[in-house]
Protein backbone atom coordinates (compact mmCIF):
# COMPACT_ATOMS: atom_id res chain seq x y z
CA UNK A 1 119.61 79.99 108.98
CA UNK A 2 119.39 76.96 111.27
CA UNK A 3 116.60 74.47 110.64
CA UNK A 4 115.07 71.84 112.90
CA UNK A 5 114.11 68.25 112.12
CA UNK A 6 110.66 68.44 110.46
CA UNK A 7 109.32 65.68 112.73
CA UNK A 8 109.74 67.98 115.75
CA UNK A 9 106.82 70.08 114.47
CA UNK A 10 104.64 67.35 112.93
CA UNK A 11 106.10 67.28 109.42
CA UNK A 12 107.23 64.14 107.59
CA UNK A 13 110.75 64.36 106.15
CA UNK A 14 110.04 61.81 103.35
CA UNK A 15 106.92 63.73 102.35
CA UNK A 16 108.81 67.03 102.57
CA UNK A 17 111.42 65.69 100.16
CA UNK A 18 108.82 65.71 97.43
CA UNK A 19 109.13 69.50 97.40
CA UNK A 20 112.79 69.31 96.42
CA UNK A 21 112.10 66.91 93.56
CA UNK A 22 109.28 69.07 92.22
CA UNK A 23 111.19 72.35 92.48
CA UNK A 24 114.36 70.89 90.95
CA UNK A 25 112.34 69.74 87.96
CA UNK A 26 111.51 73.38 87.11
CA UNK A 27 115.24 74.11 87.03
CA UNK A 28 116.18 70.93 85.12
CA UNK A 29 113.58 71.72 82.46
CA UNK A 30 114.82 75.32 82.20
CA UNK A 31 111.50 76.73 83.26
CA UNK A 32 113.20 78.60 86.08
CA UNK A 33 116.82 79.61 86.59
CA UNK A 34 116.67 79.03 90.33
CA UNK A 35 114.66 79.60 93.47
CA UNK A 36 114.52 79.28 97.26
CA UNK A 37 111.77 77.56 99.27
CA UNK A 38 111.27 78.02 102.98
CA UNK A 39 108.77 76.61 105.52
CA UNK A 40 108.32 77.34 109.21
CA UNK A 41 105.91 75.77 111.67
CA UNK A 42 105.28 76.69 115.30
CA UNK A 43 107.95 79.33 115.08
CA UNK A 44 110.68 76.99 113.82
CA UNK A 45 112.20 76.85 110.31
CA UNK A 46 112.09 73.22 109.16
CA UNK A 47 112.81 73.63 105.44
CA UNK A 48 115.19 76.06 103.72
CA UNK A 49 116.38 74.89 100.30
CA UNK A 50 117.93 76.54 97.28
CA UNK A 51 117.80 75.31 93.70
CA UNK A 52 119.57 76.16 90.48
CA UNK A 53 121.25 79.44 89.60
CA UNK A 54 120.79 83.02 90.75
CA UNK A 55 122.58 84.24 87.58
CA UNK A 56 123.06 81.79 84.73
CA UNK A 57 125.18 84.16 82.63
CA UNK A 58 127.58 84.81 85.53
CA UNK A 59 127.66 81.14 86.54
CA UNK A 60 126.42 81.89 90.04
CA UNK A 61 124.54 79.24 91.99
CA UNK A 62 121.56 80.23 94.13
CA UNK A 63 122.71 81.30 97.62
CA UNK A 64 120.85 81.35 100.92
CA UNK A 65 121.32 85.14 101.12
CA UNK A 66 120.40 85.92 97.49
CA UNK A 67 118.44 89.15 97.12
CA UNK A 68 115.16 89.05 95.17
CA UNK A 69 112.85 91.64 93.66
CA UNK A 70 109.61 90.96 95.57
CA UNK A 71 107.32 93.35 93.64
CA UNK A 72 103.81 93.20 95.16
CA UNK A 73 104.98 91.34 98.25
CA UNK A 74 105.95 94.91 99.19
CA UNK A 75 102.23 95.61 99.74
CA UNK A 76 101.82 93.64 103.03
CA UNK A 77 104.86 95.47 104.46
CA UNK A 78 103.35 98.84 103.49
CA UNK A 79 100.04 97.82 105.02
CA UNK A 80 101.77 96.95 108.30
CA UNK A 81 103.45 100.36 108.30
CA UNK A 82 100.07 102.05 107.80
CA UNK A 83 98.44 100.02 110.54
CA UNK A 84 101.23 100.91 112.97
CA UNK A 85 100.14 104.52 112.48
CA UNK A 86 96.51 103.42 112.93
CA UNK A 87 97.45 101.94 116.30
CA UNK A 88 98.98 105.28 117.28
CA UNK A 89 95.59 106.90 116.74
CA UNK A 90 96.70 108.86 113.68
CA UNK A 91 93.62 107.89 111.64
CA UNK A 92 90.47 105.75 111.53
CA UNK A 93 89.71 103.34 108.73
CA UNK A 94 86.71 105.40 107.58
CA UNK A 95 88.71 108.63 107.47
CA UNK A 96 88.84 110.23 104.02
CA UNK A 97 92.24 110.12 102.33
CA UNK A 98 91.82 113.86 101.68
CA UNK A 99 92.60 114.41 105.35
CA UNK A 100 96.23 113.67 104.43
CA UNK A 101 96.21 114.34 100.68
CA UNK A 102 93.87 117.34 100.04
CA UNK A 103 93.85 116.68 96.28
CA UNK A 104 91.69 113.61 96.85
CA UNK A 105 88.85 116.02 97.69
CA UNK A 106 88.58 116.91 94.02
CA UNK A 107 89.01 113.47 92.42
CA UNK A 108 86.38 112.47 89.85
CA UNK A 109 84.90 109.11 88.78
CA UNK A 110 84.84 107.66 85.27
CA UNK A 111 81.31 107.17 83.92
CA UNK A 112 81.62 106.75 80.15
CA UNK A 113 83.96 107.15 77.20
CA UNK A 114 82.85 109.45 74.41
CA UNK A 115 84.39 110.79 71.20
CA UNK A 116 85.31 113.99 73.06
CA UNK A 117 86.96 112.18 75.95
CA UNK A 118 86.10 110.65 79.32
CA UNK A 119 82.77 111.52 80.90
CA UNK A 120 83.36 112.06 84.62
CA UNK A 121 81.14 112.52 87.67
CA UNK A 122 81.39 113.50 91.31
CA UNK A 123 82.09 110.55 93.64
CA UNK A 124 79.18 109.40 95.78
CA UNK A 125 81.56 109.57 98.75
CA UNK A 126 85.23 110.21 99.33
CA UNK A 127 87.95 107.57 99.11
CA UNK A 128 88.75 106.30 102.60
CA UNK A 129 91.83 104.75 104.16
CA UNK A 130 89.97 101.43 104.24
CA UNK A 131 89.34 101.72 100.49
CA UNK A 132 93.07 102.05 99.91
CA UNK A 133 93.94 99.12 102.15
CA UNK A 134 91.35 96.84 100.51
CA UNK A 135 91.86 97.91 96.86
CA UNK A 136 88.32 99.24 96.57
CA UNK A 137 89.34 102.87 95.97
CA UNK A 138 88.94 102.93 92.18
CA UNK A 139 92.67 103.58 91.67
CA UNK A 140 93.98 101.26 88.94
CA UNK A 141 97.26 100.38 87.27
CA UNK A 142 97.99 101.77 83.86
CA UNK A 143 97.50 99.45 80.88
CA UNK A 144 97.77 100.47 77.21
CA UNK A 145 95.27 97.79 76.27
CA UNK A 146 92.95 98.10 79.27
CA UNK A 147 89.85 100.10 80.16
CA UNK A 148 89.67 103.83 79.32
CA UNK A 149 90.92 104.79 82.79
CA UNK A 150 93.75 102.24 82.67
CA UNK A 151 94.79 103.67 79.30
CA UNK A 152 94.62 107.21 80.69
CA UNK A 153 96.85 106.25 83.66
CA UNK A 154 99.33 104.56 81.31
CA UNK A 155 99.45 107.59 79.00
CA UNK A 156 99.91 109.97 81.94
CA UNK A 157 102.83 107.88 83.19
CA UNK A 158 104.50 107.93 79.79
CA UNK A 159 104.13 111.69 79.54
CA UNK A 160 105.50 112.19 83.08
CA UNK A 161 108.53 110.05 82.31
CA UNK A 162 109.54 112.52 79.58
CA UNK A 163 109.57 115.39 82.11
CA UNK A 164 110.50 113.73 85.42
CA UNK A 165 111.82 110.19 84.90
CA UNK A 166 112.02 109.48 88.65
CA UNK A 167 109.29 111.32 90.57
CA UNK A 168 109.06 111.58 94.31
CA UNK A 169 106.01 110.07 95.96
CA UNK A 170 104.62 113.57 96.53
CA UNK A 171 105.07 114.55 92.86
CA UNK A 172 103.47 111.30 91.72
CA UNK A 173 100.47 111.64 94.07
CA UNK A 174 99.78 115.23 93.00
CA UNK A 175 99.68 113.99 89.39
CA UNK A 176 97.57 110.93 90.25
CA UNK A 177 94.72 112.90 91.81
CA UNK A 178 94.13 114.64 88.47
CA UNK A 179 93.19 111.29 86.94
CA UNK A 180 89.73 109.70 87.37
CA UNK A 181 88.81 106.74 89.52
CA UNK A 182 87.73 103.66 87.56
CA UNK A 183 84.61 103.24 89.71
CA UNK A 184 82.80 104.67 92.71
CA UNK A 185 84.81 104.25 95.94
CA UNK A 186 83.91 101.02 97.69
CA UNK A 187 81.79 99.65 94.82
CA UNK A 188 84.33 97.19 93.32
CA UNK A 189 87.57 95.39 94.10
CA UNK A 190 90.20 96.51 91.61
CA UNK A 191 93.89 95.86 92.11
CA UNK A 192 95.97 98.91 91.52
CA UNK A 193 97.85 101.93 92.87
CA UNK A 194 96.18 102.21 96.27
CA UNK A 195 99.14 100.82 98.23
CA UNK A 196 101.54 103.25 96.55
CA UNK A 197 99.31 106.06 97.79
CA UNK A 198 99.50 104.54 101.28
CA UNK A 199 103.30 104.84 101.14
CA UNK A 200 102.91 108.59 100.71
CA UNK A 201 100.35 108.72 103.53
CA UNK A 202 103.01 107.16 105.77
CA UNK A 203 105.34 110.01 104.85
CA UNK A 204 102.70 112.67 105.54
CA UNK A 205 101.68 111.28 108.94
CA UNK A 206 105.12 110.32 110.21
CA UNK A 207 107.17 113.15 108.77
CA UNK A 208 109.74 110.58 107.63
CA UNK A 209 110.70 109.49 104.14
CA UNK A 210 108.93 106.19 103.44
CA UNK A 211 112.14 104.18 103.27
CA UNK A 212 113.36 105.71 106.53
CA UNK A 213 110.08 104.80 108.26
CA UNK A 214 110.29 101.22 107.09
CA UNK A 215 113.91 100.92 108.21
CA UNK A 216 113.47 102.58 111.61
CA UNK A 217 110.09 101.16 112.59
CA UNK A 218 109.99 97.72 110.93
CA UNK A 219 113.26 96.43 109.46
CA UNK A 220 115.81 97.25 112.13
CA UNK A 221 113.53 96.21 115.05
CA UNK A 222 112.81 92.85 113.39
CA UNK A 223 116.42 92.20 112.37
CA UNK A 224 115.58 92.53 108.68
CA UNK A 225 118.89 93.60 107.19
CA UNK A 226 118.71 93.17 103.39
CA UNK A 227 115.30 94.63 102.48
CA UNK A 228 115.27 98.01 100.78
CA UNK A 229 114.20 99.88 97.65
CA UNK A 230 117.59 99.30 96.02
CA UNK A 231 120.67 97.10 96.38
CA UNK A 232 123.83 98.99 97.46
CA UNK A 233 126.99 98.28 95.48
CA UNK A 234 128.55 96.25 98.27
CA UNK A 235 125.61 93.81 97.98
CA UNK A 236 125.00 93.93 94.21
CA UNK A 237 126.71 90.57 93.71
CA UNK A 238 123.90 89.04 95.77
CA UNK A 239 121.08 90.31 93.53
CA UNK A 240 119.58 87.54 91.39
CA UNK A 241 119.19 88.05 87.67
CA UNK A 242 115.60 88.35 86.46
CA UNK A 243 114.41 86.01 83.73
CA UNK A 244 111.38 85.65 81.51
CA UNK A 245 110.15 83.07 79.00
CA UNK A 246 112.21 82.88 75.79
CA UNK A 247 110.77 82.41 72.31
CA UNK A 248 109.74 78.76 72.20
CA UNK A 249 111.20 77.14 75.28
CA UNK A 250 113.71 78.13 77.91
CA UNK A 251 114.67 81.41 79.56
CA UNK A 252 115.94 84.82 78.62
CA UNK A 253 117.46 87.35 80.97
CA UNK A 254 115.38 90.52 81.29
CA UNK A 255 117.13 92.37 84.12
CA UNK A 256 120.85 91.73 84.72
CA UNK A 257 121.95 92.70 88.26
CA UNK A 258 124.75 95.07 87.25
CA UNK A 259 122.45 97.25 85.09
CA UNK A 260 119.22 96.76 87.04
CA UNK A 261 117.15 99.75 88.10
CA UNK A 262 117.46 98.23 91.57
CA UNK A 263 121.24 98.83 91.55
CA UNK A 264 120.93 102.52 92.48
CA UNK A 265 118.75 104.60 94.83
CA UNK A 266 115.36 105.80 93.61
CA UNK A 267 113.23 108.84 94.37
CA UNK A 268 109.97 106.98 93.75
CA UNK A 269 109.60 104.63 96.73
CA UNK A 270 106.86 102.25 95.61
CA UNK A 271 104.88 100.87 98.52
CA UNK A 272 103.03 98.75 96.01
CA UNK A 273 105.96 96.93 94.49
CA UNK A 274 109.39 98.51 95.02
CA UNK A 275 111.24 96.41 97.56
CA UNK A 276 113.97 93.83 97.26
CA UNK A 277 114.40 91.26 100.05
CA UNK A 278 115.83 87.87 101.00
CA UNK A 279 113.97 84.71 101.95
CA UNK A 280 115.21 84.98 105.54
CA UNK A 281 114.16 88.64 105.84
CA UNK A 282 110.64 88.00 104.55
CA UNK A 283 110.27 84.94 106.78
CA UNK A 284 110.97 87.17 109.80
CA UNK A 285 108.23 89.55 108.63
CA UNK A 286 105.77 86.69 108.10
CA UNK A 287 106.60 85.14 111.46
CA UNK A 288 105.88 88.49 113.12
CA UNK A 289 102.40 88.37 111.55
CA UNK A 290 101.78 84.78 112.63
CA UNK A 291 102.88 85.70 116.16
CA UNK A 292 100.20 88.38 116.30
CA UNK A 293 102.46 91.34 115.61
CA UNK A 294 105.56 90.38 117.65
CA UNK A 295 108.95 88.76 116.96
CA UNK A 296 111.64 87.98 119.54
CA UNK A 297 110.22 90.43 122.08
CA UNK A 298 109.73 93.27 119.56
CA UNK A 299 106.08 94.18 119.04
CA UNK A 300 105.01 96.16 115.96
CA UNK A 301 101.26 95.56 116.20
CA UNK A 302 98.89 94.06 118.71
CA UNK A 303 97.10 90.78 118.05
CA UNK A 304 93.73 92.43 117.44
CA UNK A 305 95.18 94.66 114.71
CA UNK A 306 96.76 91.72 112.90
CA UNK A 307 93.44 89.84 113.11
CA UNK A 308 91.67 92.92 111.73
CA UNK A 309 94.12 93.06 108.83
CA UNK A 310 93.76 89.36 108.04
CA UNK A 311 89.95 89.26 108.14
CA UNK A 312 87.88 89.64 104.97
CA UNK A 313 86.64 93.23 104.55
CA UNK A 314 84.77 92.74 101.28
CA UNK A 315 81.02 92.53 101.05
CA UNK A 316 79.43 89.62 99.16
CA UNK A 317 78.78 91.85 96.14
CA UNK A 318 82.52 92.35 95.60
CA UNK A 319 83.31 88.62 95.61
CA UNK A 320 84.64 86.63 93.76
CA UNK A 321 87.78 88.70 93.28
CA UNK A 322 88.81 89.22 89.67
CA UNK A 323 92.56 89.44 89.05
CA UNK A 324 94.05 87.76 86.00
CA UNK A 325 95.96 85.48 85.98
CA UNK A 326 95.05 84.64 89.59
CA UNK A 327 91.22 84.76 89.33
CA UNK A 328 90.77 80.99 89.47
CA UNK A 329 92.94 80.84 92.61
CA UNK A 330 90.95 83.59 94.34
CA UNK A 331 87.65 81.71 94.50
CA UNK A 332 86.63 81.23 98.13
CA UNK A 333 88.66 84.26 99.11
CA UNK A 334 88.03 87.73 100.42
CA UNK A 335 90.52 90.49 100.98
CA UNK A 336 91.71 92.06 104.20
CA UNK A 337 93.95 95.05 104.79
CA UNK A 338 96.78 93.99 102.49
CA UNK A 339 96.22 90.25 102.07
CA UNK A 340 94.00 87.74 100.26
CA UNK A 341 92.13 85.74 102.93
CA UNK A 342 90.62 82.26 102.57
CA UNK A 343 86.96 82.44 103.56
CA UNK A 344 85.80 79.09 102.17
CA UNK A 345 88.35 76.31 101.79
CA UNK A 346 86.12 74.11 99.59
CA UNK A 347 85.41 76.94 97.13
CA UNK A 348 89.07 77.95 97.03
CA UNK A 349 90.20 74.51 95.94
CA UNK A 350 93.47 75.23 97.77
CA UNK A 351 95.17 73.63 100.72
CA UNK A 352 94.96 75.88 103.75
CA UNK A 353 92.65 76.72 106.59
CA UNK A 354 89.86 79.26 106.75
CA UNK A 355 91.58 82.48 107.82
CA UNK A 356 94.86 81.72 106.02
CA UNK A 357 96.22 84.73 104.21
CA UNK A 358 98.73 85.28 101.46
CA UNK A 359 100.07 87.42 98.63
CA UNK A 360 102.66 87.26 95.87
CA UNK A 361 104.73 89.25 93.43
CA UNK A 362 105.04 89.60 89.66
CA UNK A 363 108.16 87.41 89.51
CA UNK A 364 106.26 84.49 91.09
CA UNK A 365 107.45 85.18 94.61
CA UNK A 366 104.75 84.06 97.09
CA UNK A 367 104.11 83.61 100.80
CA UNK A 368 101.27 82.41 102.95
CA UNK A 369 100.47 82.32 106.67
CA UNK A 370 98.12 79.73 108.17
CA UNK A 371 97.30 80.67 111.80
CA UNK A 372 95.40 77.44 112.47
CA UNK A 373 98.32 75.21 111.45
CA UNK A 374 100.90 77.76 112.67
CA UNK A 375 102.46 77.34 109.23
CA UNK A 376 104.34 79.76 106.97
CA UNK A 377 105.48 79.01 103.42
CA UNK A 378 107.70 81.19 101.21
CA UNK A 379 108.93 80.70 97.65
CA UNK A 380 111.38 83.02 95.86
CA UNK A 381 111.99 82.63 92.11
CA UNK A 382 112.81 85.48 89.69
CA UNK A 383 110.66 84.71 86.67
CA UNK A 384 108.77 87.69 85.30
CA UNK A 385 105.69 85.98 83.90
CA UNK A 386 103.07 85.74 86.60
CA UNK A 387 100.87 82.65 86.27
CA UNK A 388 103.03 81.09 83.56
CA UNK A 389 103.71 78.06 85.76
CA UNK A 390 101.76 76.91 88.86
CA UNK A 391 104.93 76.58 90.93
CA UNK A 392 103.73 78.45 94.02
CA UNK A 393 100.55 76.43 94.25
CA UNK A 394 102.46 73.17 93.74
CA UNK A 395 104.88 74.19 96.50
CA UNK A 396 101.98 75.06 98.84
CA UNK A 397 100.17 71.80 98.16
CA UNK A 398 103.25 69.67 98.81
CA UNK A 399 103.92 71.60 102.01
CA UNK A 400 100.49 70.78 103.43
CA UNK A 401 100.74 67.17 102.28
CA UNK A 402 103.82 66.80 104.48
CA UNK A 403 101.87 67.54 107.69
CA UNK A 404 101.31 64.33 109.65
CA UNK A 405 99.97 65.45 113.04
């Protein structure tokens, strides 16, 4: 991808060079195998650098077209797909999810844990589409050491794996609605499975498989060529290895490309965390958002819809957002329809403008969009220990410190 001189868009090259030194130090100290950083301002890419190795064991250096597992950076893409259907008039934000998934009509809410099991109650109201988009539905991830509902979700997943190791979205949703919500709809912000449910809603409304919808309606129109739920064999040599922290210091490989679950097609198309992508692909998606829903003459959403998505939808009672290990970074934030949104720069303690929005993935991938500065930043490591190092925040800080206009 071609880059311009940083000074053309108000960025200092000497200041920008600090990013390279900082990122390279993570590689030199064997904290990360490798990564890509990318910055665009006013619609122009001014920084696109690669560091270290994409696969240490295979001796492969990081490449500009390396494919990364983006995990929860899938969620903003799913949210855009949903809001494209919203623009078509297929639903309203306050519509109950049961309009598209009848089983949600019978969902129950966790109240208490007793010796005989979970005490459940009727919900005070139904889960809405807005609840799913804002993570206030009560749907949570499974966790064997979490709350009673998180444990129940985890146990149900393990049991399902014995019977159907790779469920379809429909099969998964029909099982999910038999599990309780962790709280009353709309009463708390709780990160979880809501966006995966939205992927199935896209299938129900559009009549297309979720991956087909994304390809036909988002990826091909935007020129996004390497983003999918798996990596085909002809591209597998471009998939980065996944690493995690080793005992003591250093790295250990946890997902080699050739045996990765991402090396073959899946039936479960996770709208919450299933995509792989490249830095260039995701930058195109982010630039579309910054442009108010349009890229190179192709419009996916109108400006008002993007602004609605990137505005805080949480009431004061639901803030501050609690999400370990990111809780300290979410002060001064609300949440929109798929993104964390800065509502108070001073409280956030982060560089960025009010109205900036961002999200990241479990392997420390991260992006942000700052409409006021017309700035996009993107960082792509493959290190499966979220919050272990503050690399994304360091990258973001150094990016802002390079602005000189």
